[in-house]
Amino acid sequence: MANTPHELAEEFPAEAGKISALKETDTHFARLVEEYHEINRAVHRAETLVEPVSSEHETEMRKKRSALKDQIWQRLSA
């Protein structure tokens, strides 16, 4: 899985430096980023059938990923 889609650096390329800095200084932000990476990789494994899940579960994981991305963006744009 060398190229997992929807990584934060890909989603917010202009904010890469800010993401890195906030991860170092804001524990809540760091937790959001870690949770995002975990769910994003789980979605990718489901999409590529490495770890198949029901369509309902995959949809729920995508919704969670989207909600986390929204929270991360709120912190980045604050």
PDB file of N, CA and C in Angstrom:
ATOM      1  N   MET A   1       0.818  -1.179   0.000  1.00  0.00           N
ATOM      2  CA  MET A   1       0.000   0.000   0.000  1.00  0.00           C
ATOM      3  C   MET A   1       0.867   1.250   0.000  1.00  0.00           C
ATOM      4  N   ALA A   2       1.739   1.336  -0.939  1.00  0.00           N
ATOM      5  CA  ALA A   2       2.653   2.465  -1.007  1.00  0.00           C
ATOM      6  C   ALA A   2       1.916   3.759  -1.327  1.00  0.00           C
ATOM      7  N   ASN A   3       0.825   3.676  -2.059  1.00  0.00           N
ATOM      8  CA  ASN A   3       0.107   4.881  -2.441  1.00  0.00           C
ATOM      9  C   ASN A   3      -1.331   4.815  -1.948  1.00  0.00           C
ATOM     10  N   THR A   4      -1.522   5.169  -0.690  1.00  0.00           N
ATOM     11  CA  THR A   4      -2.860   5.192  -0.128  1.00  0.00           C
ATOM     12  C   THR A   4      -3.510   6.522  -0.480  1.00  0.00           C
ATOM     13  N   PRO A   5      -4.628   6.499  -1.192  1.00  0.00           N
ATOM     14  CA  PRO A   5      -5.308   7.755  -1.542  1.00  0.00           C
ATOM     15  C   PRO A   5      -5.825   8.482  -0.301  1.00  0.00           C
ATOM     16  N   HIS A   6      -6.037   9.755  -0.445  1.00  0.00           N
ATOM     17  CA  HIS A   6      -6.652  10.608   0.572  1.00  0.00           C
ATOM     18  C   HIS A   6      -5.768  10.854   1.792  1.00  0.00           C
ATOM     19  N   GLU A   7      -4.459  10.694   1.661  1.00  0.00           N
ATOM     20  CA  GLU A   7      -3.580  11.060   2.767  1.00  0.00           C
ATOM     21  C   GLU A   7      -3.678  12.568   2.967  1.00  0.00           C
ATOM     22  N   LEU A   8      -3.437  13.038   4.169  1.00  0.00           N
ATOM     23  CA  LEU A   8      -3.615  14.456   4.468  1.00  0.00           C
ATOM     24  C   LEU A   8      -2.703  15.349   3.638  1.00  0.00           C
ATOM     25  N   ALA A   9      -1.495  14.913   3.365  1.00  0.00           N
ATOM     26  CA  ALA A   9      -0.585  15.713   2.539  1.00  0.00           C
ATOM     27  C   ALA A   9      -1.147  15.895   1.136  1.00  0.00           C
ATOM     28  N   GLU A  10      -1.908  14.932   0.668  1.00  0.00           N
ATOM     29  CA  GLU A  10      -2.554  15.002  -0.642  1.00  0.00           C
ATOM     30  C   GLU A  10      -3.829  15.853  -0.571  1.00  0.00           C
ATOM     31  N   GLU A  11      -4.552  15.731   0.527  1.00  0.00           N
ATOM     32  CA  GLU A  11      -5.804  16.467   0.695  1.00  0.00           C
ATOM     33  C   GLU A  11      -5.565  17.955   0.950  1.00  0.00           C
ATOM     34  N   PHE A  12      -4.510  18.277   1.704  1.00  0.00           N
ATOM     35  CA  PHE A  12      -4.200  19.664   2.071  1.00  0.00           C
ATOM     36  C   PHE A  12      -2.734  19.965   1.777  1.00  0.00           C
ATOM     37  N   PRO A  13      -2.321  19.934   0.519  1.00  0.00           N
ATOM     38  CA  PRO A  13      -0.892  20.102   0.210  1.00  0.00           C
ATOM     39  C   PRO A  13      -0.313  21.439   0.673  1.00  0.00           C
ATOM     40  N   ALA A  14      -1.089  22.490   0.638  1.00  0.00           N
ATOM     41  CA  ALA A  14      -0.591  23.801   1.048  1.00  0.00           C
ATOM     42  C   ALA A  14      -0.433  23.911   2.567  1.00  0.00           C
ATOM     43  N   GLU A  15      -0.998  22.971   3.292  1.00  0.00           N
ATOM     44  CA  GLU A  15      -0.978  23.017   4.756  1.00  0.00           C
ATOM     45  C   GLU A  15      -0.014  22.010   5.377  1.00  0.00           C
ATOM     46  N   ALA A  16       0.845  21.392   4.578  1.00  0.00           N
ATOM     47  CA  ALA A  16       1.727  20.337   5.089  1.00  0.00           C
ATOM     48  C   ALA A  16       2.576  20.817   6.262  1.00  0.00           C
ATOM     49  N   GLY A  17       3.148  21.993   6.150  1.00  0.00           N
ATOM     50  CA  GLY A  17       3.969  22.528   7.237  1.00  0.00           C
ATOM     51  C   GLY A  17       3.158  22.785   8.487  1.00  0.00           C
ATOM     52  N   LYS A  18       1.963  23.321   8.319  1.00  0.00           N
ATOM     53  CA  LYS A  18       1.101  23.608   9.459  1.00  0.00           C
ATOM     54  C   LYS A  18       0.644  22.310  10.127  1.00  0.00           C
ATOM     55  N   ILE A  19       0.350  21.297   9.333  1.00  0.00           N
ATOM     56  CA  ILE A  19      -0.042  19.992   9.893  1.00  0.00           C
ATOM     57  C   ILE A  19       1.082  19.454  10.766  1.00  0.00           C
ATOM     58  N   SER A  20       2.286  19.498  10.244  1.00  0.00           N
ATOM     59  CA  SER A  20       3.443  18.996  10.986  1.00  0.00           C
ATOM     60  C   SER A  20       3.644  19.776  12.283  1.00  0.00           C
ATOM     61  N   ALA A  21       3.548  21.089  12.204  1.00  0.00           N
ATOM     62  CA  ALA A  21       3.746  21.924  13.390  1.00  0.00           C
ATOM     63  C   ALA A  21       2.657  21.681  14.431  1.00  0.00           C
ATOM     64  N   LEU A  22       1.411  21.606  13.995  1.00  0.00           N
ATOM     65  CA  LEU A  22       0.318  21.387  14.933  1.00  0.00           C
ATOM     66  C   LEU A  22       0.394  20.011  15.591  1.00  0.00           C
ATOM     67  N   LYS A  23       0.855  19.019  14.857  1.00  0.00           N
ATOM     68  CA  LYS A  23       1.007  17.684  15.449  1.00  0.00           C
ATOM     69  C   LYS A  23       1.991  17.725  16.616  1.00  0.00           C
ATOM     70  N   GLU A  24       2.970  18.608  16.532  1.00  0.00           N
ATOM     71  CA  GLU A  24       3.985  18.721  17.585  1.00  0.00           C
ATOM     72  C   GLU A  24       3.489  19.504  18.802  1.00  0.00           C
ATOM     73  N   THR A  25       2.566  20.437  18.590  1.00  0.00           N
ATOM     74  CA  THR A  25       2.180  21.336  19.671  1.00  0.00           C
ATOM     75  C   THR A  25       0.763  21.136  20.189  1.00  0.00           C
ATOM     76  N   ASP A  26      -0.074  20.424  19.469  1.00  0.00           N
ATOM     77  CA  ASP A  26      -1.486  20.279  19.821  1.00  0.00           C
ATOM     78  C   ASP A  26      -1.822  18.789  19.901  1.00  0.00           C
ATOM     79  N   THR A  27      -1.939  18.273  21.109  1.00  0.00           N
ATOM     80  CA  THR A  27      -2.170  16.832  21.266  1.00  0.00           C
ATOM     81  C   THR A  27      -3.516  16.402  20.697  1.00  0.00           C
ATOM     82  N   HIS A  28      -4.529  17.257  20.811  1.00  0.00           N
ATOM     83  CA  HIS A  28      -5.835  16.903  20.238  1.00  0.00           C
ATOM     84  C   HIS A  28      -5.730  16.794  18.715  1.00  0.00           C
ATOM     85  N   PHE A  29      -5.048  17.746  18.099  1.00  0.00           N
ATOM     86  CA  PHE A  29      -4.856  17.710  16.653  1.00  0.00           C
ATOM     87  C   PHE A  29      -4.072  16.467  16.252  1.00  0.00           C
ATOM     88  N   ALA A  30      -3.030  16.156  16.989  1.00  0.00           N
ATOM     89  CA  ALA A  30      -2.226  14.965  16.696  1.00  0.00           C
ATOM     90  C   ALA A  30      -3.079  13.706  16.764  1.00  0.00           C
ATOM     91  N   ARG A  31      -3.986  13.654  17.732  1.00  0.00           N
ATOM     92  CA  ARG A  31      -4.891  12.503  17.866  1.00  0.00           C
ATOM     93  C   ARG A  31      -5.844  12.425  16.675  1.00  0.00           C
ATOM     94  N   LEU A  32      -6.377  13.575  16.245  1.00  0.00           N
ATOM     95  CA  LEU A  32      -7.256  13.601  15.075  1.00  0.00           C
ATOM     96  C   LEU A  32      -6.530  13.083  13.840  1.00  0.00           C
ATOM     97  N   VAL A  33      -5.298  13.533  13.653  1.00  0.00           N
ATOM     98  CA  VAL A  33      -4.506  13.113  12.498  1.00  0.00           C
ATOM     99  C   VAL A  33      -4.244  11.610  12.544  1.00  0.00           C
ATOM    100  N   GLU A  34      -3.882  11.095  13.696  1.00  0.00           N
ATOM    101  CA  GLU A  34      -3.616   9.663  13.824  1.00  0.00           C
ATOM    102  C   GLU A  34      -4.886   8.853  13.549  1.00  0.00           C
ATOM    103  N   GLU A  35      -5.999   9.306  14.098  1.00  0.00           N
ATOM    104  CA  GLU A  35      -7.272   8.606  13.870  1.00  0.00           C
ATOM    105  C   GLU A  35      -7.646   8.652  12.386  1.00  0.00           C
ATOM    106  N   TYR A  36      -7.419   9.812  11.753  1.00  0.00           N
ATOM    107  CA  TYR A  36      -7.695   9.944  10.325  1.00  0.00           C
ATOM    108  C   TYR A  36      -6.858   8.940   9.528  1.00  0.00           C
ATOM    109  N   HIS A  37      -5.561   8.868   9.834  1.00  0.00           N
ATOM    110  CA  HIS A  37      -4.690   7.946   9.104  1.00  0.00           C
ATOM    111  C   HIS A  37      -5.143   6.497   9.283  1.00  0.00           C
ATOM    112  N   GLU A  38      -5.535   6.145  10.488  1.00  0.00           N
ATOM    113  CA  GLU A  38      -5.986   4.774  10.744  1.00  0.00           C
ATOM    114  C   GLU A  38      -7.237   4.446   9.937  1.00  0.00           C
ATOM    115  N   ILE A  39      -8.230   5.335   9.972  1.00  0.00           N
ATOM    116  CA  ILE A  39      -9.476   5.048   9.255  1.00  0.00           C
ATOM    117  C   ILE A  39      -9.263   5.129   7.750  1.00  0.00           C
ATOM    118  N   ASN A  40      -8.415   6.037   7.300  1.00  0.00           N
ATOM    119  CA  ASN A  40      -8.146   6.143   5.871  1.00  0.00           C
ATOM    120  C   ASN A  40      -7.501   4.865   5.346  1.00  0.00           C
ATOM    121  N   ARG A  41      -6.577   4.333   6.080  1.00  0.00           N
ATOM    122  CA  ARG A  41      -5.922   3.085   5.654  1.00  0.00           C
ATOM    123  C   ARG A  41      -6.901   1.916   5.700  1.00  0.00           C
ATOM    124  N   ALA A  42      -7.798   1.918   6.692  1.00  0.00           N
ATOM    125  CA  ALA A  42      -8.810   0.863   6.769  1.00  0.00           C
ATOM    126  C   ALA A  42      -9.757   0.939   5.567  1.00  0.00           C
ATOM    127  N   VAL A  43     -10.145   2.150   5.173  1.00  0.00           N
ATOM    128  CA  VAL A  43     -10.995   2.323   3.998  1.00  0.00           C
ATOM    129  C   VAL A  43     -10.268   1.822   2.757  1.00  0.00           C
ATOM    130  N   HIS A  44      -9.004   2.171   2.633  1.00  0.00           N
ATOM    131  CA  HIS A  44      -8.228   1.742   1.469  1.00  0.00           C
ATOM    132  C   HIS A  44      -8.121   0.215   1.409  1.00  0.00           C
ATOM    133  N   ARG A  45      -7.875  -0.416   2.565  1.00  0.00           N
ATOM    134  CA  ARG A  45      -7.807  -1.882   2.590  1.00  0.00           C
ATOM    135  C   ARG A  45      -9.145  -2.501   2.197  1.00  0.00           C
ATOM    136  N   ALA A  46     -10.242  -1.871   2.616  1.00  0.00           N
ATOM    137  CA  ALA A  46     -11.576  -2.375   2.252  1.00  0.00           C
ATOM    138  C   ALA A  46     -11.829  -2.183   0.756  1.00  0.00           C
ATOM    139  N   GLU A  47     -11.477  -1.017   0.234  1.00  0.00           N
ATOM    140  CA  GLU A  47     -11.706  -0.732  -1.188  1.00  0.00           C
ATOM    141  C   GLU A  47     -10.902  -1.652  -2.106  1.00  0.00           C
ATOM    142  N   THR A  48      -9.702  -2.007  -1.678  1.00  0.00           N
ATOM    143  CA  THR A  48      -8.836  -2.847  -2.502  1.00  0.00           C
ATOM    144  C   THR A  48      -9.013  -4.331  -2.193  1.00  0.00           C
ATOM    145  N   LEU A  49      -9.977  -4.633  -1.329  1.00  0.00           N
ATOM    146  CA  LEU A  49     -10.330  -6.002  -0.951  1.00  0.00           C
ATOM    147  C   LEU A  49      -9.204  -6.737  -0.233  1.00  0.00           C
ATOM    148  N   VAL A  50      -8.273  -5.997   0.342  1.00  0.00           N
ATOM    149  CA  VAL A  50      -7.259  -6.612   1.185  1.00  0.00           C
ATOM    150  C   VAL A  50      -7.925  -7.113   2.458  1.00  0.00           C
ATOM    151  N   GLU A  51      -8.840  -6.296   2.986  1.00  0.00           N
ATOM    152  CA  GLU A  51      -9.643  -6.663   4.147  1.00  0.00           C
ATOM    153  C   GLU A  51     -11.097  -6.309   3.838  1.00  0.00           C
ATOM    154  N   PRO A  52     -11.790  -7.168   3.089  1.00  0.00           N
ATOM    155  CA  PRO A  52     -13.169  -6.859   2.689  1.00  0.00           C
ATOM    156  C   PRO A  52     -14.093  -6.684   3.899  1.00  0.00           C
ATOM    157  N   VAL A  53     -15.018  -5.743   3.764  1.00  0.00           N
ATOM    158  CA  VAL A  53     -16.036  -5.502   4.783  1.00  0.00           C
ATOM    159  C   VAL A  53     -17.367  -5.328   4.066  1.00  0.00           C
ATOM    160  N   SER A  54     -18.437  -5.313   4.832  1.00  0.00           N
ATOM    161  CA  SER A  54     -19.754  -5.084   4.222  1.00  0.00           C
ATOM    162  C   SER A  54     -19.812  -3.665   3.665  1.00  0.00           C
ATOM    163  N   SER A  55     -20.691  -3.466   2.716  1.00  0.00           N
ATOM    164  CA  SER A  55     -20.816  -2.128   2.129  1.00  0.00           C
ATOM    165  C   SER A  55     -21.281  -1.118   3.177  1.00  0.00           C
ATOM    166  N   GLU A  56     -22.103  -1.559   4.120  1.00  0.00           N
ATOM    167  CA  GLU A  56     -22.555  -0.668   5.187  1.00  0.00           C
ATOM    168  C   GLU A  56     -21.387  -0.223   6.064  1.00  0.00           C
ATOM    169  N   HIS A  57     -20.526  -1.165   6.400  1.00  0.00           N
ATOM    170  CA  HIS A  57     -19.367  -0.836   7.242  1.00  0.00           C
ATOM    171  C   HIS A  57     -18.412   0.087   6.489  1.00  0.00           C
ATOM    172  N   GLU A  58     -18.210  -0.176   5.217  1.00  0.00           N
ATOM    173  CA  GLU A  58     -17.339   0.684   4.417  1.00  0.00           C
ATOM    174  C   GLU A  58     -17.909   2.106   4.346  1.00  0.00           C
ATOM    175  N   THR A  59     -19.219   2.216   4.190  1.00  0.00           N
ATOM    176  CA  THR A  59     -19.863   3.530   4.160  1.00  0.00           C
ATOM    177  C   THR A  59     -19.667   4.252   5.483  1.00  0.00           C
ATOM    178  N   GLU A  60     -19.828   3.545   6.589  1.00  0.00           N
ATOM    179  CA  GLU A  60     -19.623   4.150   7.907  1.00  0.00           C
ATOM    180  C   GLU A  60     -18.178   4.617   8.090  1.00  0.00           C
ATOM    181  N   MET A  61     -17.233   3.814   7.619  1.00  0.00           N
ATOM    182  CA  MET A  61     -15.825   4.214   7.725  1.00  0.00           C
ATOM    183  C   MET A  61     -15.566   5.471   6.892  1.00  0.00           C
ATOM    184  N   ARG A  62     -16.159   5.544   5.717  1.00  0.00           N
ATOM    185  CA  ARG A  62     -15.983   6.736   4.875  1.00  0.00           C
ATOM    186  C   ARG A  62     -16.575   7.978   5.537  1.00  0.00           C
ATOM    187  N   LYS A  63     -17.739   7.822   6.172  1.00  0.00           N
ATOM    188  CA  LYS A  63     -18.352   8.942   6.879  1.00  0.00           C
ATOM    189  C   LYS A  63     -17.456   9.409   8.031  1.00  0.00           C
ATOM    190  N   LYS A  64     -16.886   8.458   8.752  1.00  0.00           N
ATOM    191  CA  LYS A  64     -15.992   8.808   9.862  1.00  0.00           C
ATOM    192  C   LYS A  64     -14.760   9.529   9.323  1.00  0.00           C
ATOM    193  N   ARG A  65     -14.199   9.042   8.220  1.00  0.00           N
ATOM    194  CA  ARG A  65     -13.033   9.693   7.622  1.00  0.00           C
ATOM    195  C   ARG A  65     -13.375  11.126   7.227  1.00  0.00           C
ATOM    196  N   SER A  66     -14.536  11.314   6.636  1.00  0.00           N
ATOM    197  CA  SER A  66     -14.964  12.647   6.216  1.00  0.00           C
ATOM    198  C   SER A  66     -15.136  13.581   7.417  1.00  0.00           C
ATOM    199  N   ALA A  67     -15.740  13.078   8.483  1.00  0.00           N
ATOM    200  CA  ALA A  67     -15.934  13.892   9.680  1.00  0.00           C
ATOM    201  C   ALA A  67     -14.587  14.280  10.292  1.00  0.00           C
ATOM    202  N   LEU A  68     -13.652  13.348  10.318  1.00  0.00           N
ATOM    203  CA  LEU A  68     -12.325  13.653  10.846  1.00  0.00           C
ATOM    204  C   LEU A  68     -11.617  14.690   9.979  1.00  0.00           C
ATOM    205  N   LYS A  69     -11.739  14.541   8.661  1.00  0.00           N
ATOM    206  CA  LYS A  69     -11.116  15.506   7.752  1.00  0.00           C
ATOM    207  C   LYS A  69     -11.705  16.894   7.983  1.00  0.00           C
ATOM    208  N   ASP A  70     -13.007  16.978   8.206  1.00  0.00           N
ATOM    209  CA  ASP A  70     -13.646  18.260   8.498  1.00  0.00           C
ATOM    210  C   ASP A  70     -13.092  18.865   9.789  1.00  0.00           C
ATOM    211  N   GLN A  71     -12.928  18.050  10.813  1.00  0.00           N
ATOM    212  CA  GLN A  71     -12.384  18.537  12.084  1.00  0.00           C
ATOM    213  C   GLN A  71     -10.944  19.014  11.917  1.00  0.00           C
ATOM    214  N   ILE A  72     -10.177  18.272  11.150  1.00  0.00           N
ATOM    215  CA  ILE A  72      -8.783  18.660  10.899  1.00  0.00           C
ATOM    216  C   ILE A  72      -8.748  19.984  10.154  1.00  0.00           C
ATOM    217  N   TRP A  73      -9.595  20.139   9.146  1.00  0.00           N
ATOM    218  CA  TRP A  73      -9.633  21.395   8.396  1.00  0.00           C
ATOM    219  C   TRP A  73     -10.031  22.562   9.297  1.00  0.00           C
ATOM    220  N   GLN A  74     -10.979  22.345  10.178  1.00  0.00           N
ATOM    221  CA  GLN A  74     -11.377  23.409  11.118  1.00  0.00           C
ATOM    222  C   GLN A  74     -10.204  23.870  11.946  1.00  0.00           C
ATOM    223  N   ARG A  75      -9.401  22.918  12.424  1.00  0.00           N
ATOM    224  CA  ARG A  75      -8.211  23.280  13.224  1.00  0.00           C
ATOM    225  C   ARG A  75      -7.171  23.992  12.371  1.00  0.00           C
ATOM    226  N   LEU A  76      -7.008  23.540  11.127  1.00  0.00           N
ATOM    227  CA  LEU A  76      -6.023  24.155  10.245  1.00  0.00           C
ATOM    228  C   LEU A  76      -6.408  25.579   9.871  1.00  0.00           C
ATOM    229  N   SER A  77      -7.688  25.820   9.708  1.00  0.00           N
ATOM    230  CA  SER A  77      -8.135  27.131   9.249  1.00  0.00           C
ATOM    231  C   SER A  77      -8.449  28.091  10.401  1.00  0.00           C
ATOM    232  N   ALA A  78      -8.294  27.643  11.620  1.00  0.00           N
ATOM    233  CA  ALA A  78      -8.575  28.494  12.781  1.00  0.00           C
ATOM    234  C   ALA A  78      -7.492  29.545  12.963  1.00  0.00           C
TER     235      ALA A  78
END
